[in-house]
C-alpha atoms as a PDB file:
ATOM      1  CA  MET A   1      87.488  11.117 128.496  1.00  0.00           C
ATOM      2  CA  THR A   2      85.114  10.822 131.649  1.00  0.00           C
ATOM      3  CA  GLN A   3      81.529  11.112 130.840  1.00  0.00           C
ATOM      4  CA  PRO A   4      80.087  14.266 132.430  1.00  0.00           C
ATOM      5  CA  SER A   5      77.139  14.120 134.725  1.00  0.00           C
ATOM      6  CA  ILE A   6      74.459  16.177 133.030  1.00  0.00           C
ATOM      7  CA  THR A   7      71.005  17.185 134.506  1.00  0.00           C
ATOM      8  CA  VAL A   8      68.688  19.213 132.413  1.00  0.00           C
ATOM      9  CA  HIS A   9      65.974  21.138 134.344  1.00  0.00           C
ATOM     10  CA  GLN A  10      62.900  21.584 132.383  1.00  0.00           C
ATOM     11  CA  PHE A  11      59.157  22.476 132.424  1.00  0.00           C
ATOM     12  CA  PRO A  12      56.933  19.398 132.928  1.00  0.00           C
ATOM     13  CA  PRO A  13      55.317  18.330 129.596  1.00  0.00           C
ATOM     14  CA  PHE A  14      51.833  19.816 130.295  1.00  0.00           C
ATOM     15  CA  LEU A  15      51.379  20.074 126.532  1.00  0.00           C
ATOM     16  CA  GLN A  16      52.071  16.364 126.236  1.00  0.00           C
ATOM     17  CA  MET A  17      55.508  17.519 124.995  1.00  0.00           C
ATOM     18  CA  GLN A  18      58.211  19.824 126.242  1.00  0.00           C
ATOM     19  CA  PRO A  19      56.521  23.317 126.073  1.00  0.00           C
ATOM     20  CA  SER A  20      59.630  25.323 125.902  1.00  0.00           C
ATOM     21  CA  PRO A  21      61.252  25.661 122.485  1.00  0.00           C
ATOM     22  CA  PHE A  22      64.573  26.254 124.153  1.00  0.00           C
ATOM     23  CA  GLY A  23      64.145  23.104 126.360  1.00  0.00           C
ATOM     24  CA  LEU A  24      63.200  21.096 123.354  1.00  0.00           C
ATOM     25  CA  LYS A  25      66.149  22.503 121.406  1.00  0.00           C
ATOM     26  CA  LEU A  26      68.600  21.731 124.088  1.00  0.00           C
ATOM     27  CA  GLU A  27      67.311  17.961 124.535  1.00  0.00           C
ATOM     28  CA  THR A  28      67.367  17.563 120.775  1.00  0.00           C
ATOM     29  CA  TRP A  29      70.896  18.686 120.412  1.00  0.00           C
ATOM     30  CA  LEU A  30      71.953  16.365 123.201  1.00  0.00           C
ATOM     31  CA  ARG A  31      70.382  13.500 121.523  1.00  0.00           C
ATOM     32  CA  MET A  32      71.838  14.710 118.274  1.00  0.00           C
ATOM     33  CA  LYS A  33      75.258  14.429 119.736  1.00  0.00           C
ATOM     34  CA  GLN A  34      74.574  11.273 121.611  1.00  0.00           C
ATOM     35  CA  ILE A  35      75.252  12.732 124.988  1.00  0.00           C
ATOM     36  CA  PRO A  36      73.573  11.099 127.931  1.00  0.00           C
ATOM     37  CA  TYR A  37      71.702  13.265 130.224  1.00  0.00           C
ATOM     38  CA  ASP A  38      69.044  13.124 133.201  1.00  0.00           C
ATOM     39  CA  ILE A  39      65.904  15.255 133.555  1.00  0.00           C
ATOM     40  CA  GLN A  40      64.466  17.088 136.296  1.00  0.00           C
ATOM     41  CA  MET A  41      60.968  18.864 135.893  1.00  0.00           C
ATOM     42  CA  SER A  42      59.620  21.648 137.845  1.00  0.00           C
ATOM     43  CA  PHE A  43      57.396  24.751 137.250  1.00  0.00           C
ATOM     44  CA  THR A  44      59.093  26.834 139.868  1.00  0.00           C
ATOM     45  CA  LYS A  45      62.790  26.046 140.172  1.00  0.00           C
ATOM     46  CA  VAL A  46      64.718  28.164 138.013  1.00  0.00           C
ATOM     47  CA  GLY A  47      68.545  28.556 137.131  1.00  0.00           C
ATOM     48  CA  PRO A  48      71.074  31.327 137.495  1.00  0.00           C
ATOM     49  CA  LYS A  49      69.359  33.321 134.755  1.00  0.00           C
ATOM     50  CA  ASP A  50      66.052  33.097 136.511  1.00  0.00           C
ATOM     51  CA  LYS A  51      64.832  31.000 133.461  1.00  0.00           C
ATOM     52  CA  ILE A  52      64.099  27.418 132.495  1.00  0.00           C
ATOM     53  CA  PRO A  53      65.817  25.347 131.116  1.00  0.00           C
ATOM     54  CA  PHE A  54      69.130  25.270 132.808  1.00  0.00           C
ATOM     55  CA  ALA A  55      71.664  22.581 133.381  1.00  0.00           C
ATOM     56  CA  ASN A  56      73.759  21.062 135.979  1.00  0.00           C
ATOM     57  CA  ILE A  57      77.129  19.833 134.409  1.00  0.00           C
ATOM     58  CA  ASN A  58      79.421  18.099 136.904  1.00  0.00           C
ATOM     59  CA  GLY A  59      78.005  20.437 139.733  1.00  0.00           C
ATOM     60  CA  GLU A  60      78.271  23.635 137.581  1.00  0.00           C
ATOM     61  CA  VAL A  61      74.850  25.144 137.259  1.00  0.00           C
ATOM     62  CA  ILE A  62      74.533  27.018 133.837  1.00  0.00           C
ATOM     63  CA  GLY A  63      71.634  28.783 132.437  1.00  0.00           C
ATOM     64  CA  ASP A  64      70.519  29.516 128.733  1.00  0.00           C
ATOM     65  CA  SER A  65      70.406  26.764 126.155  1.00  0.00           C
ATOM     66  CA  GLU A  66      72.988  28.414 123.921  1.00  0.00           C
ATOM     67  CA  ILE A  67      75.489  28.719 126.802  1.00  0.00           C
ATOM     68  CA  ILE A  68      74.841  25.286 128.004  1.00  0.00           C
ATOM     69  CA  ILE A  69      75.709  23.905 124.355  1.00  0.00           C
ATOM     70  CA  ASP A  70      78.723  26.131 124.217  1.00  0.00           C
ATOM     71  CA  ARG A  71      79.843  24.818 127.548  1.00  0.00           C
ATOM     72  CA  LEU A  72      79.698  21.239 126.388  1.00  0.00           C
ATOM     73  CA  LEU A  73      81.446  22.003 123.103  1.00  0.00           C
ATOM     74  CA  HIS A  74      84.274  23.763 125.131  1.00  0.00           C
ATOM     75  CA  LEU A  75      84.438  20.535 127.319  1.00  0.00           C
ATOM     76  CA  GLY A  76      85.058  18.508 124.196  1.00  0.00           C
ATOM     77  CA  GLU A  77      81.788  16.461 124.624  1.00  0.00           C
ATOM     78  CA  ALA A  78      80.740  17.358 121.138  1.00  0.00           C
ATOM     79  CA  ALA A  79      81.893  19.341 117.904  1.00  0.00           C
ATOM     80  CA  GLU A  80      79.804  21.208 115.437  1.00  0.00           C
ATOM     81  CA  SER A  81      80.690  20.281 111.908  1.00  0.00           C
ATOM     82  CA  ASP A  82      84.058  21.682 110.719  1.00  0.00           C
ATOM     83  CA  ASP A  83      82.865  21.418 107.236  1.00  0.00           C
ATOM     84  CA  LEU A  84      80.768  24.464 107.607  1.00  0.00           C
ATOM     85  CA  SER A  85      81.985  27.639 105.673  1.00  0.00           C
ATOM     86  CA  GLU A  86      82.119  31.089 107.665  1.00  0.00           C
ATOM     87  CA  GLU A  87      78.985  31.975 105.488  1.00  0.00           C
ATOM     88  CA  GLN A  88      77.066  28.840 106.703  1.00  0.00           C
ATOM     89  CA  LYS A  89      78.046  29.570 110.364  1.00  0.00           C
ATOM     90  CA  ALA A  90      76.898  33.209 109.965  1.00  0.00           C
ATOM     91  CA  LYS A  91      73.631  31.784 108.402  1.00  0.00           C
ATOM     92  CA  GLY A  92      73.098  29.495 111.349  1.00  0.00           C
ATOM     93  CA  ILE A  93      73.496  32.323 113.881  1.00  0.00           C
ATOM     94  CA  LEU A  94      70.774  34.333 111.860  1.00  0.00           C
ATOM     95  CA  ILE A  95      68.450  31.537 111.878  1.00  0.00           C
ATOM     96  CA  ARG A  96      68.706  31.019 115.548  1.00  0.00           C
ATOM     97  CA  ARG A  97      68.444  34.764 116.351  1.00  0.00           C
ATOM     98  CA  MET A  98      65.238  34.871 114.265  1.00  0.00           C
ATOM     99  CA  VAL A  99      63.831  31.788 115.837  1.00  0.00           C
ATOM    100  CA  GLU A 100      64.873  32.586 119.402  1.00  0.00           C
ATOM    101  CA  GLU A 101      64.635  36.353 119.647  1.00  0.00           C
ATOM    102  CA  HIS A 102      61.481  36.917 117.360  1.00  0.00           C
ATOM    103  CA  MET A 103      59.501  33.956 116.476  1.00  0.00           C
ATOM    104  CA  TYR A 104      59.590  32.762 120.125  1.00  0.00           C
ATOM    105  CA  PHE A 105      57.702  35.925 121.198  1.00  0.00           C
ATOM    106  CA  VAL A 106      55.062  35.534 118.595  1.00  0.00           C
ATOM    107  CA  LEU A 107      54.575  31.962 119.956  1.00  0.00           C
ATOM    108  CA  MET A 108      54.255  33.357 123.539  1.00  0.00           C
ATOM    109  CA  HIS A 109      51.719  35.976 122.355  1.00  0.00           C
ATOM    110  CA  SER A 110      49.515  33.133 120.568  1.00  0.00           C
ATOM    111  CA  ARG A 111      49.646  31.214 124.010  1.00  0.00           C
ATOM    112  CA  TRP A 112      49.325  33.836 126.594  1.00  0.00           C
ATOM    113  CA  VAL A 113      47.709  36.980 125.186  1.00  0.00           C
ATOM    114  CA  ASP A 114      45.589  35.900 122.312  1.00  0.00           C
ATOM    115  CA  ASP A 115      42.227  34.843 123.932  1.00  0.00           C
ATOM    116  CA  THR A 116      41.674  32.132 121.430  1.00  0.00           C
ATOM    117  CA  GLY A 117      44.968  30.388 122.291  1.00  0.00           C
ATOM    118  CA  TRP A 118      44.606  31.186 125.938  1.00  0.00           C
ATOM    119  CA  THR A 119      41.383  29.438 126.477  1.00  0.00           C
ATOM    120  CA  VAL A 120      43.132  26.064 125.556  1.00  0.00           C
ATOM    121  CA  PHE A 121      46.618  26.988 126.771  1.00  0.00           C
ATOM    122  CA  GLY A 122      45.701  28.440 130.149  1.00  0.00           C
ATOM    123  CA  PRO A 123      43.838  25.258 131.563  1.00  0.00           C
ATOM    124  CA  MET A 124      46.687  22.917 130.406  1.00  0.00           C
ATOM    125  CA  VAL A 125      49.588  24.916 131.997  1.00  0.00           C
ATOM    126  CA  PHE A 126      47.718  25.410 135.298  1.00  0.00           C
ATOM    127  CA  SER A 127      46.055  21.918 135.424  1.00  0.00           C
ATOM    128  CA  HIS A 128      48.359  20.889 138.438  1.00  0.00           C
ATOM    129  CA  ILE A 129      47.118  23.786 140.554  1.00  0.00           C
ATOM    130  CA  PRO A 130      44.373  23.156 143.237  1.00  0.00           C
ATOM    131  CA  GLY A 131      41.047  24.218 141.888  1.00  0.00           C
ATOM    132  CA  LEU A 132      40.282  26.831 144.522  1.00  0.00           C
ATOM    133  CA  ILE A 133      43.332  28.899 143.732  1.00  0.00           C
ATOM    134  CA  ARG A 134      43.738  28.169 140.044  1.00  0.00           C
ATOM    135  CA  PRO A 135      41.723  31.105 138.614  1.00  0.00           C
ATOM    136  CA  PHE A 136      43.570  33.664 140.854  1.00  0.00           C
ATOM    137  CA  LEU A 137      46.941  32.260 140.138  1.00  0.00           C
ATOM    138  CA  SER A 138      46.423  31.802 136.312  1.00  0.00           C
ATOM    139  CA  LYS A 139      45.098  35.468 136.093  1.00  0.00           C
ATOM    140  CA  LYS A 140      48.055  36.764 138.039  1.00  0.00           C
ATOM    141  CA  ILE A 141      50.703  35.017 136.116  1.00  0.00           C
ATOM    142  CA  ARG A 142      48.994  35.690 132.829  1.00  0.00           C
ATOM    143  CA  LYS A 143      49.188  39.303 133.737  1.00  0.00           C
ATOM    144  CA  ILE A 144      52.808  39.302 134.403  1.00  0.00           C
ATOM    145  CA  VAL A 145      53.603  37.475 131.077  1.00  0.00           C
ATOM    146  CA  LYS A 146      51.453  39.856 129.154  1.00  0.00           C
ATOM    147  CA  LYS A 147      53.274  42.809 130.783  1.00  0.00           C
ATOM    148  CA  ASN A 148      56.570  41.310 129.778  1.00  0.00           C
ATOM    149  CA  LEU A 149      55.510  40.850 126.253  1.00  0.00           C
ATOM    150  CA  TRP A 150      54.236  44.389 126.038  1.00  0.00           C
ATOM    151  CA  ALA A 151      57.673  45.418 127.453  1.00  0.00           C
ATOM    152  CA  GLN A 152      59.433  43.303 124.907  1.00  0.00           C
ATOM    153  CA  GLY A 153      57.326  44.939 122.161  1.00  0.00           C
ATOM    154  CA  ILE A 154      55.559  42.143 120.270  1.00  0.00           C
ATOM    155  CA  SER A 155      52.217  42.644 122.095  1.00  0.00           C
ATOM    156  CA  ARG A 156      52.090  46.378 121.098  1.00  0.00           C
ATOM    157  CA  HIS A 157      50.825  45.298 117.725  1.00  0.00           C
ATOM    158  CA  SER A 158      47.509  43.914 116.761  1.00  0.00           C
ATOM    159  CA  ASP A 159      46.874  40.118 116.439  1.00  0.00           C
ATOM    160  CA  ALA A 160      46.872  40.433 112.746  1.00  0.00           C
ATOM    161  CA  GLU A 161      50.054  42.288 112.629  1.00  0.00           C
ATOM    162  CA  ILE A 162      51.671  39.869 115.043  1.00  0.00           C
ATOM    163  CA  TYR A 163      50.698  36.742 113.081  1.00  0.00           C
ATOM    164  CA  GLU A 164      51.697  38.334 109.773  1.00  0.00           C
ATOM    165  CA  LYS A 165      55.126  38.861 111.229  1.00  0.00           C
ATOM    166  CA  GLY A 166      55.179  35.193 112.387  1.00  0.00           C
ATOM    167  CA  ALA A 167      54.064  34.127 108.991  1.00  0.00           C
ATOM    168  CA  ARG A 168      56.923  35.924 107.411  1.00  0.00           C
ATOM    169  CA  ASP A 169      59.429  34.163 109.666  1.00  0.00           C
ATOM    170  CA  ILE A 170      58.050  30.759 108.892  1.00  0.00           C
ATOM    171  CA  LYS A 171      58.071  31.421 105.146  1.00  0.00           C
ATOM    172  CA  ALA A 172      61.625  32.747 105.451  1.00  0.00           C
ATOM    173  CA  LEU A 173      62.722  29.425 107.250  1.00  0.00           C
ATOM    174  CA  SER A 174      60.973  27.516 104.367  1.00  0.00           C
ATOM    175  CA  ALA A 175      62.716  29.452 101.710  1.00  0.00           C
ATOM    176  CA  LEU A 176      66.256  28.941 103.526  1.00  0.00           C
ATOM    177  CA  LEU A 177      65.594  25.221 103.926  1.00  0.00           C
ATOM    178  CA  GLY A 178      64.506  24.774 100.283  1.00  0.00           C
ATOM    179  CA  GLU A 179      64.799  21.326  99.108  1.00  0.00           C
ATOM    180  CA  SER A 180      67.609  20.368 101.691  1.00  0.00           C
ATOM    181  CA  ASP A 181      67.055  17.942 104.503  1.00  0.00           C
ATOM    182  CA  TYR A 182      68.644  20.334 106.976  1.00  0.00           C
ATOM    183  CA  PHE A 183      69.505  24.061 107.166  1.00  0.00           C
ATOM    184  CA  LEU A 184      73.195  24.187 106.816  1.00  0.00           C
ATOM    185  CA  ALA A 185      74.766  20.852 105.828  1.00  0.00           C
ATOM    186  CA  GLU A 186      73.869  17.248 105.273  1.00  0.00           C
ATOM    187  CA  LYS A 187      73.799  16.508 108.936  1.00  0.00           C
ATOM    188  CA  PRO A 188      71.718  18.537 111.431  1.00  0.00           C
ATOM    189  CA  GLY A 189      73.363  20.972 113.945  1.00  0.00           C
ATOM    190  CA  ILE A 190      72.509  23.702 116.463  1.00  0.00           C
ATOM    191  CA  ALA A 191      70.484  25.606 113.871  1.00  0.00           C
ATOM    192  CA  ASP A 192      68.288  22.758 113.181  1.00  0.00           C
ATOM    193  CA  ALA A 193      67.824  21.932 116.792  1.00  0.00           C
ATOM    194  CA  SER A 194      66.822  25.470 117.351  1.00  0.00           C
ATOM    195  CA  ALA A 195      64.426  25.660 114.466  1.00  0.00           C
ATOM    196  CA  TYR A 196      62.982  22.341 115.450  1.00  0.00           C
ATOM    197  CA  GLY A 197      62.439  23.286 119.087  1.00  0.00           C
ATOM    198  CA  LEU A 198      60.116  26.082 118.081  1.00  0.00           C
ATOM    199  CA  LEU A 199      58.428  24.547 114.967  1.00  0.00           C
ATOM    200  CA  ALA A 200      57.677  21.365 116.821  1.00  0.00           C
ATOM    201  CA  ASN A 201      55.876  23.553 119.430  1.00  0.00           C
ATOM    202  CA  ILE A 202      53.779  25.047 116.812  1.00  0.00           C
ATOM    203  CA  LEU A 203      53.137  21.886 114.831  1.00  0.00           C
ATOM    204  CA  TYR A 204      52.784  19.058 117.461  1.00  0.00           C
ATOM    205  CA  ALA A 205      51.270  21.055 120.430  1.00  0.00           C
ATOM    206  CA  PRO A 206      47.571  20.409 120.838  1.00  0.00           C
ATOM    207  CA  LEU A 207      46.895  24.137 120.104  1.00  0.00           C
ATOM    208  CA  ASN A 208      45.641  25.728 116.980  1.00  0.00           C
ATOM    209  CA  SER A 209      46.812  29.103 115.807  1.00  0.00           C
ATOM    210  CA  PRO A 210      47.376  31.036 112.572  1.00  0.00           C
ATOM    211  CA  LEU A 211      51.111  30.044 113.059  1.00  0.00           C
ATOM    212  CA  LYS A 212      50.131  26.525 112.714  1.00  0.00           C
ATOM    213  CA  LYS A 213      48.140  27.259 109.567  1.00  0.00           C
ATOM    214  CA  THR A 214      51.035  28.985 107.954  1.00  0.00           C
ATOM    215  CA  LEU A 215      53.438  26.184 109.025  1.00  0.00           C
ATOM    216  CA  GLN A 216      51.076  23.451 107.629  1.00  0.00           C
ATOM    217  CA  SER A 217      51.260  25.378 104.111  1.00  0.00           C
ATOM    218  CA  CYS A 218      55.099  24.799 104.031  1.00  0.00           C
ATOM    219  CA  SER A 219      55.654  21.219 103.003  1.00  0.00           C
ATOM    220  CA  ASN A 220      59.348  21.312 103.306  1.00  0.00           C
ATOM    221  CA  LEU A 221      59.199  22.529 106.996  1.00  0.00           C
ATOM    222  CA  LEU A 222      56.491  19.809 107.752  1.00  0.00           C
ATOM    223  CA  ALA A 223      58.985  17.145 106.278  1.00  0.00           C
ATOM    224  CA  PHE A 224      61.788  18.811 108.259  1.00  0.00           C
ATOM    225  CA  CYS A 225      59.812  18.389 111.479  1.00  0.00           C
ATOM    226  CA  ASP A 226      58.824  14.881 110.902  1.00  0.00           C
ATOM    227  CA  ARG A 227      62.419  13.971 109.919  1.00  0.00           C
ATOM    228  CA  MET A 228      63.875  15.471 113.245  1.00  0.00           C
ATOM    229  CA  ARG A 229      61.109  13.886 115.179  1.00  0.00           C
ATOM    230  CA  SER A 230      61.608  10.484 113.647  1.00  0.00           C
ATOM    231  CA  GLU A 231      65.416  10.656 114.048  1.00  0.00           C
ATOM    232  CA  PHE A 232      65.736  12.125 117.635  1.00  0.00           C
ATOM    233  CA  TRP A 233      62.252  11.430 119.116  1.00  0.00           C
ATOM    234  CA  PRO A 234      61.018   8.249 117.559  1.00  0.00           C
ATOM    235  CA  GLU A 235      59.267   7.314 120.740  1.00  0.00           C
ATOM    236  CA  SER A 236      57.340  10.632 120.847  1.00  0.00           C
ATOM    237  CA  PRO A 237      54.088  11.278 118.903  1.00  0.00           C
ATOM    238  CA  ARG A 238      54.226  14.938 119.836  1.00  0.00           C
ATOM    239  CA  GLY A 239      57.696  15.997 119.004  1.00  0.00           C
ATOM    240  CA  GLY A 240      59.647  15.214 122.152  1.00  0.00           C
ATOM    241  CA  GLY A 241      60.206  16.090 125.877  1.00  0.00           C
ATOM    242  CA  GLU A 242      57.456  14.136 127.522  1.00  0.00           C
ATOM    243  CA  ALA A 243      59.816  11.430 129.117  1.00  0.00           C
ATOM    244  CA  SER A 244      61.056  11.854 132.618  1.00  0.00           C
ATOM    245  CA  LYS A 245      64.544  10.594 131.567  1.00  0.00           C
ATOM    246  CA  ALA A 246      66.352  10.659 128.221  1.00  0.00           C
ATOM    247  CA  VAL A 247      66.728   7.477 126.486  1.00  0.00           C
END
């Protein structure tokens, strides 16, 4: 089988790691399956879904991390474990949906809306912008993100309510993981990559929040993150994604 040409388009690692949970999920899964890939980084170049990350696979440009993974599975570049029961597969989908469709927006609120998080996150994400226009541009983009999070619904709640929702999600993940190394089987899969992409962005990013405090109280999730980082990002002190090209 001919090895496909894969280029993953990502945000630059302005948090000293890949700041997108979806981007980190995708790269972690590619490493998990030992699929070689290249990286291109940009703040402004977006894919067919108007989002980052996206990928170019043999000239086909594909958006959305889940669809990219599905495409590679369809091409036979990797296979998810056939040992999973239908119940385990369903559990994996539920984990991914909670992480990617709920916890992600709590993380976004902690970075873009909560003033405590923004005072650290804002200067880092806009550090590449020339100083004269930086205040104007950061204010404009923050306003757009806040509007989107209000429309999505998460930012209609108070900070305390939002972080309580996030804490419940983290504790639910902790309960689901239990004493196991990974969420569904003895070897990690997509659900583990998804959970790691978000949890690593809470734990290893140089930002403090109530989310990090809750995560640090869950010893099994801390061990899970360190295990995933050690196995798939051994060169990375901050969880992964800071290299310009995959190893």
